Amino acid sequence: MLKTRDLHEVPALFDLVSHPEVFPYVRHKAATCDEYYFITRQTMEAEENGELISRTILDEYGQPIGTINLFDIQDNYGFLATWIGKPYFGMGYNKPAKEQFFNEVFFERSIEAIFMKVRKTNTRSLKAVLKLPYAALANTIYPQVYEQINPQEAIYDLFVITKDHFISYQQFANAEQLATDEEVS
């Protein structure tokens, strides 16, 4: 479902990221495929320098369908940015990709919290984040971060996923699965 970024996937990802329902919401915008090659190369170099973590989201056939990234990493936290191409909206790729990514950053890296800033007018992203049982609205929990992402006016809501909340969710989900398996057998 996830893989490290490489330049071979740029043409397929550029076609997806260029869609008008995706493009306005991505962090790094490219008007041409050549620009997207450049941005992807910069992303790969930044990951090598420990500045971010970036993965390509794949469908069940191994085709690239979007990206998931942790930007601005400092003091064991970073900001999440995810996009999935329009043909894959509503097909159930978002949550499993996030959970696989969170497993990597929380258990293989030293990340303690992941922030998500979601434009208050982006209903698709707001609905997606509200489906994550381990995410919490953080506008008042982290007021300094909220003010940092909204310096002039309140454009974004801030959400947080802490390592502790994610571990608790996984333990609960695993216990629930064990109980279900026991009832069936």
C-alpha atoms as a PDB file:
ATOM      1  CA  MET A   1       0.000   0.000   0.000  1.00  0.00           C
ATOM      2  CA  LEU A   2       2.907   2.437   0.683  1.00  0.00           C
ATOM      3  CA  LYS A   3       6.381   2.713  -0.797  1.00  0.00           C
ATOM      4  CA  THR A   4       9.255   5.152  -0.693  1.00  0.00           C
ATOM      5  CA  ARG A   5       9.079   7.847  -3.343  1.00  0.00           C
ATOM      6  CA  ASP A   6      10.888   7.489  -6.658  1.00  0.00           C
ATOM      7  CA  LEU A   7      11.035   9.395  -9.902  1.00  0.00           C
ATOM      8  CA  HIS A   8       9.467   6.613 -12.000  1.00  0.00           C
ATOM      9  CA  GLU A   9       6.028   7.348 -10.530  1.00  0.00           C
ATOM     10  CA  VAL A  10       6.083  11.085 -11.351  1.00  0.00           C
ATOM     11  CA  PRO A  11       4.084  10.966 -14.637  1.00  0.00           C
ATOM     12  CA  ALA A  12       1.248   8.918 -13.090  1.00  0.00           C
ATOM     13  CA  LEU A  13       1.137  11.057  -9.940  1.00  0.00           C
ATOM     14  CA  PHE A  14       1.286  14.303 -11.930  1.00  0.00           C
ATOM     15  CA  ASP A  15      -1.781  13.263 -13.930  1.00  0.00           C
ATOM     16  CA  LEU A  16      -3.650  12.629 -10.655  1.00  0.00           C
ATOM     17  CA  VAL A  17      -2.460  15.700  -8.743  1.00  0.00           C
ATOM     18  CA  SER A  18      -3.382  17.999 -11.647  1.00  0.00           C
ATOM     19  CA  HIS A  19      -7.099  17.287 -11.300  1.00  0.00           C
ATOM     20  CA  PRO A  20      -9.057  20.416 -10.242  1.00  0.00           C
ATOM     21  CA  GLU A  21     -10.574  18.585  -7.249  1.00  0.00           C
ATOM     22  CA  VAL A  22      -7.081  17.664  -5.970  1.00  0.00           C
ATOM     23  CA  PHE A  23      -4.714  20.427  -7.105  1.00  0.00           C
ATOM     24  CA  PRO A  24      -6.000  23.268  -4.876  1.00  0.00           C
ATOM     25  CA  TYR A  25      -5.418  21.191  -1.748  1.00  0.00           C
ATOM     26  CA  VAL A  26      -1.858  19.926  -2.281  1.00  0.00           C
ATOM     27  CA  ARG A  27       1.054  21.561  -0.543  1.00  0.00           C
ATOM     28  CA  HIS A  28       3.535  21.582  -3.432  1.00  0.00           C
ATOM     29  CA  LYS A  29       1.885  22.626  -6.668  1.00  0.00           C
ATOM     30  CA  ALA A  30       3.403  21.909 -10.074  1.00  0.00           C
ATOM     31  CA  ALA A  31       2.056  23.279 -13.347  1.00  0.00           C
ATOM     32  CA  THR A  32       4.047  20.835 -15.509  1.00  0.00           C
ATOM     33  CA  CYS A  33       5.325  17.301 -15.237  1.00  0.00           C
ATOM     34  CA  ASP A  34       8.900  18.667 -15.275  1.00  0.00           C
ATOM     35  CA  GLU A  35       8.077  20.823 -12.235  1.00  0.00           C
ATOM     36  CA  TYR A  36       6.653  17.755 -10.505  1.00  0.00           C
ATOM     37  CA  TYR A  37       9.908  15.853 -11.219  1.00  0.00           C
ATOM     38  CA  PHE A  38      11.789  18.734  -9.585  1.00  0.00           C
ATOM     39  CA  ILE A  39       9.470  18.811  -6.538  1.00  0.00           C
ATOM     40  CA  THR A  40       9.694  15.031  -6.151  1.00  0.00           C
ATOM     41  CA  ARG A  41      13.519  15.149  -6.328  1.00  0.00           C
ATOM     42  CA  GLN A  42      13.523  17.899  -3.665  1.00  0.00           C
ATOM     43  CA  THR A  43      11.175  15.810  -1.500  1.00  0.00           C
ATOM     44  CA  MET A  44      13.444  12.771  -1.781  1.00  0.00           C
ATOM     45  CA  GLU A  45      16.501  14.857  -0.847  1.00  0.00           C
ATOM     46  CA  ALA A  46      14.666  16.432   2.111  1.00  0.00           C
ATOM     47  CA  GLU A  47      13.798  12.954   3.364  1.00  0.00           C
ATOM     48  CA  GLU A  48      17.438  11.914   3.104  1.00  0.00           C
ATOM     49  CA  ASN A  49      18.235  14.956   5.289  1.00  0.00           C
ATOM     50  CA  GLY A  50      15.603  13.969   7.891  1.00  0.00           C
ATOM     51  CA  GLU A  51      13.390  16.994   7.196  1.00  0.00           C
ATOM     52  CA  LEU A  52      10.300  15.016   6.170  1.00  0.00           C
ATOM     53  CA  ILE A  53       8.927  11.543   5.519  1.00  0.00           C
ATOM     54  CA  SER A  54       7.172  10.916   2.200  1.00  0.00           C
ATOM     55  CA  ARG A  55       5.524   7.784   0.813  1.00  0.00           C
ATOM     56  CA  THR A  56       3.588   6.946  -2.326  1.00  0.00           C
ATOM     57  CA  ILE A  57       0.153   5.402  -1.804  1.00  0.00           C
ATOM     58  CA  LEU A  58      -0.446   2.414  -4.079  1.00  0.00           C
ATOM     59  CA  ASP A  59      -3.642   0.661  -5.104  1.00  0.00           C
ATOM     60  CA  GLU A  60      -4.048  -3.120  -4.910  1.00  0.00           C
ATOM     61  CA  TYR A  61      -2.292  -3.441  -8.297  1.00  0.00           C
ATOM     62  CA  GLY A  62       0.777  -1.506  -7.173  1.00  0.00           C
ATOM     63  CA  GLN A  63      -0.128   1.623  -9.144  1.00  0.00           C
ATOM     64  CA  PRO A  64       0.579   5.051  -7.569  1.00  0.00           C
ATOM     65  CA  ILE A  65      -2.618   6.833  -6.543  1.00  0.00           C
ATOM     66  CA  GLY A  66      -1.414   9.585  -4.185  1.00  0.00           C
ATOM     67  CA  THR A  67       1.103  10.544  -1.524  1.00  0.00           C
ATOM     68  CA  ILE A  68       1.278  10.801   2.248  1.00  0.00           C
ATOM     69  CA  ASN A  69       3.856  13.045   3.882  1.00  0.00           C
ATOM     70  CA  LEU A  70       5.024  14.282   7.248  1.00  0.00           C
ATOM     71  CA  PHE A  71       6.422  17.801   6.782  1.00  0.00           C
ATOM     72  CA  ASP A  72       8.125  20.306   9.062  1.00  0.00           C
ATOM     73  CA  ILE A  73       9.465  17.667  11.447  1.00  0.00           C
ATOM     74  CA  GLN A  74      10.846  19.164  14.643  1.00  0.00           C
ATOM     75  CA  ASP A  75      10.786  18.230  18.324  1.00  0.00           C
ATOM     76  CA  ASN A  76       9.296  14.801  17.462  1.00  0.00           C
ATOM     77  CA  TYR A  77       6.226  16.157  15.696  1.00  0.00           C
ATOM     78  CA  GLY A  78       5.314  17.083  12.143  1.00  0.00           C
ATOM     79  CA  PHE A  79       2.436  18.067   9.879  1.00  0.00           C
ATOM     80  CA  LEU A  80       0.592  15.466   7.818  1.00  0.00           C
ATOM     81  CA  ALA A  81      -0.320  16.077   4.193  1.00  0.00           C
ATOM     82  CA  THR A  82      -2.133  13.424   2.176  1.00  0.00           C
ATOM     83  CA  TRP A  83      -3.714  13.455  -1.236  1.00  0.00           C
ATOM     84  CA  ILE A  84      -5.353  10.742  -3.321  1.00  0.00           C
ATOM     85  CA  GLY A  85      -6.254  11.068  -7.003  1.00  0.00           C
ATOM     86  CA  LYS A  86      -9.860  11.785  -7.974  1.00  0.00           C
ATOM     87  CA  PRO A  87     -10.540   8.336  -9.542  1.00  0.00           C
ATOM     88  CA  TYR A  88      -9.769   6.819  -6.121  1.00  0.00           C
ATOM     89  CA  PHE A  89     -11.984   9.071  -3.978  1.00  0.00           C
ATOM     90  CA  GLY A  90     -14.293   7.120  -1.683  1.00  0.00           C
ATOM     91  CA  MET A  91     -12.693   3.746  -2.419  1.00  0.00           C
ATOM     92  CA  GLY A  92     -11.303   3.167   1.070  1.00  0.00           C
ATOM     93  CA  TYR A  93      -7.603   3.903   0.463  1.00  0.00           C
ATOM     94  CA  ASN A  94      -7.238   6.856   2.853  1.00  0.00           C
ATOM     95  CA  LYS A  95      -7.597   5.212   6.267  1.00  0.00           C
ATOM     96  CA  PRO A  96      -5.407   2.115   5.600  1.00  0.00           C
ATOM     97  CA  ALA A  97      -2.698   4.316   4.062  1.00  0.00           C
ATOM     98  CA  LYS A  98      -2.733   6.594   7.094  1.00  0.00           C
ATOM     99  CA  GLU A  99      -2.614   3.679   9.533  1.00  0.00           C
ATOM    100  CA  GLN A 100       0.327   2.087   7.734  1.00  0.00           C
ATOM    101  CA  PHE A 101       2.112   5.443   7.683  1.00  0.00           C
ATOM    102  CA  PHE A 102       1.368   6.094  11.365  1.00  0.00           C
ATOM    103  CA  ASN A 103       2.757   2.676  12.267  1.00  0.00           C
ATOM    104  CA  GLU A 104       5.989   3.610  10.506  1.00  0.00           C
ATOM    105  CA  VAL A 105       6.404   7.100  11.949  1.00  0.00           C
ATOM    106  CA  PHE A 106       5.359   6.215  15.508  1.00  0.00           C
ATOM    107  CA  PHE A 107       7.125   2.853  15.846  1.00  0.00           C
ATOM    108  CA  GLU A 108      10.111   3.105  13.498  1.00  0.00           C
ATOM    109  CA  ARG A 109      10.813   6.819  13.957  1.00  0.00           C
ATOM    110  CA  SER A 110      10.791   9.027  17.028  1.00  0.00           C
ATOM    111  CA  ILE A 111       7.594  10.921  16.173  1.00  0.00           C
ATOM    112  CA  GLU A 112       5.289  11.595  19.147  1.00  0.00           C
ATOM    113  CA  ALA A 113       2.536  13.680  17.525  1.00  0.00           C
ATOM    114  CA  ILE A 114       1.207  14.354  14.052  1.00  0.00           C
ATOM    115  CA  PHE A 115      -0.661  17.564  13.328  1.00  0.00           C
ATOM    116  CA  MET A 116      -3.142  18.000  10.506  1.00  0.00           C
ATOM    117  CA  LYS A 117      -4.293  21.410   9.397  1.00  0.00           C
ATOM    118  CA  VAL A 118      -7.512  21.195   7.436  1.00  0.00           C
ATOM    119  CA  ARG A 119      -9.014  24.140   5.623  1.00  0.00           C
ATOM    120  CA  LYS A 120     -12.419  24.785   7.219  1.00  0.00           C
ATOM    121  CA  THR A 121     -13.970  24.892   3.720  1.00  0.00           C
ATOM    122  CA  ASN A 122     -12.471  21.546   2.621  1.00  0.00           C
ATOM    123  CA  THR A 123     -15.407  19.303   3.501  1.00  0.00           C
ATOM    124  CA  ARG A 124     -13.825  16.200   1.894  1.00  0.00           C
ATOM    125  CA  SER A 125     -10.767  16.405   4.144  1.00  0.00           C
ATOM    126  CA  LEU A 126     -12.814  17.324   7.219  1.00  0.00           C
ATOM    127  CA  LYS A 127     -15.003  14.240   6.700  1.00  0.00           C
ATOM    128  CA  ALA A 128     -11.899  12.068   6.217  1.00  0.00           C
ATOM    129  CA  VAL A 129     -10.212  13.266   9.427  1.00  0.00           C
ATOM    130  CA  LEU A 130     -13.416  12.897  11.442  1.00  0.00           C
ATOM    131  CA  LYS A 131     -13.500   9.212  10.460  1.00  0.00           C
ATOM    132  CA  LEU A 132     -10.183   8.644  12.265  1.00  0.00           C
ATOM    133  CA  PRO A 133     -11.071   7.533  15.817  1.00  0.00           C
ATOM    134  CA  TYR A 134      -7.580   8.390  17.107  1.00  0.00           C
ATOM    135  CA  ALA A 135      -7.580  12.010  15.844  1.00  0.00           C
ATOM    136  CA  ALA A 136      -8.573  14.858  18.153  1.00  0.00           C
ATOM    137  CA  LEU A 137      -9.568  18.438  17.381  1.00  0.00           C
ATOM    138  CA  ALA A 138      -6.596  20.411  18.684  1.00  0.00           C
ATOM    139  CA  ASN A 139      -7.588  24.070  18.195  1.00  0.00           C
ATOM    140  CA  THR A 140      -7.661  24.627  21.969  1.00  0.00           C
ATOM    141  CA  ILE A 141      -5.299  21.816  23.051  1.00  0.00           C
ATOM    142  CA  TYR A 142      -2.351  23.305  21.115  1.00  0.00           C
ATOM    143  CA  PRO A 143      -3.177  27.043  20.968  1.00  0.00           C
ATOM    144  CA  GLN A 144       0.350  28.066  19.882  1.00  0.00           C
ATOM    145  CA  VAL A 145       0.255  25.694  16.888  1.00  0.00           C
ATOM    146  CA  TYR A 146      -3.309  26.794  16.041  1.00  0.00           C
ATOM    147  CA  GLU A 147      -2.204  30.449  16.022  1.00  0.00           C
ATOM    148  CA  GLN A 148       0.871  29.534  13.962  1.00  0.00           C
ATOM    149  CA  ILE A 149      -1.265  28.014  11.176  1.00  0.00           C
ATOM    150  CA  ASN A 150      -3.860  30.830  11.386  1.00  0.00           C
ATOM    151  CA  PRO A 151      -1.803  34.013  11.815  1.00  0.00           C
ATOM    152  CA  GLN A 152      -4.396  36.440  10.362  1.00  0.00           C
ATOM    153  CA  GLU A 153      -7.744  34.644  10.467  1.00  0.00           C
ATOM    154  CA  ALA A 154      -9.080  31.185  11.335  1.00  0.00           C
ATOM    155  CA  ILE A 155      -8.810  29.441   7.970  1.00  0.00           C
ATOM    156  CA  TYR A 156      -7.755  26.024   9.295  1.00  0.00           C
ATOM    157  CA  ASP A 157      -8.871  23.598  11.968  1.00  0.00           C
ATOM    158  CA  LEU A 158      -6.040  21.810  13.735  1.00  0.00           C
ATOM    159  CA  PHE A 159      -6.179  18.105  14.514  1.00  0.00           C
ATOM    160  CA  VAL A 160      -3.627  15.973  16.326  1.00  0.00           C
ATOM    161  CA  ILE A 161      -2.827  12.292  16.457  1.00  0.00           C
ATOM    162  CA  THR A 162      -0.560  11.405  19.338  1.00  0.00           C
ATOM    163  CA  LYS A 163       1.427   8.215  19.565  1.00  0.00           C
ATOM    164  CA  ASP A 164      -0.435   7.350  22.796  1.00  0.00           C
ATOM    165  CA  HIS A 165      -3.877   7.797  21.182  1.00  0.00           C
ATOM    166  CA  PHE A 166      -2.849   5.710  18.190  1.00  0.00           C
ATOM    167  CA  ILE A 167      -1.489   2.906  20.412  1.00  0.00           C
ATOM    168  CA  SER A 168      -4.700   2.951  22.485  1.00  0.00           C
ATOM    169  CA  TYR A 169      -6.793   2.736  19.323  1.00  0.00           C
ATOM    170  CA  GLN A 170      -4.755  -0.219  18.043  1.00  0.00           C
ATOM    171  CA  GLN A 171      -5.015  -2.053  21.359  1.00  0.00           C
ATOM    172  CA  PHE A 172      -8.777  -1.515  21.432  1.00  0.00           C
ATOM    173  CA  ALA A 173      -9.177  -2.589  17.791  1.00  0.00           C
ATOM    174  CA  ASN A 174      -7.055  -5.707  18.389  1.00  0.00           C
ATOM    175  CA  ALA A 175      -9.026  -6.621  21.534  1.00  0.00           C
ATOM    176  CA  GLU A 176     -12.291  -6.116  19.655  1.00  0.00           C
ATOM    177  CA  GLN A 177     -11.024  -8.328  16.793  1.00  0.00           C
ATOM    178  CA  LEU A 178      -9.993 -11.063  19.242  1.00  0.00           C
ATOM    179  CA  ALA A 179     -13.436 -10.969  20.861  1.00  0.00           C
ATOM    180  CA  THR A 180     -15.105 -11.234  17.448  1.00  0.00           C
ATOM    181  CA  ASP A 181     -12.849 -14.121  16.433  1.00  0.00           C
ATOM    182  CA  GLU A 182     -13.622 -15.978  19.672  1.00  0.00           C
ATOM    183  CA  GLU A 183     -17.387 -15.626  19.148  1.00  0.00           C
ATOM    184  CA  VAL A 184     -17.160 -17.007  15.612  1.00  0.00           C
ATOM    185  CA  SER A 185     -15.016 -20.065  16.364  1.00  0.00           C
END
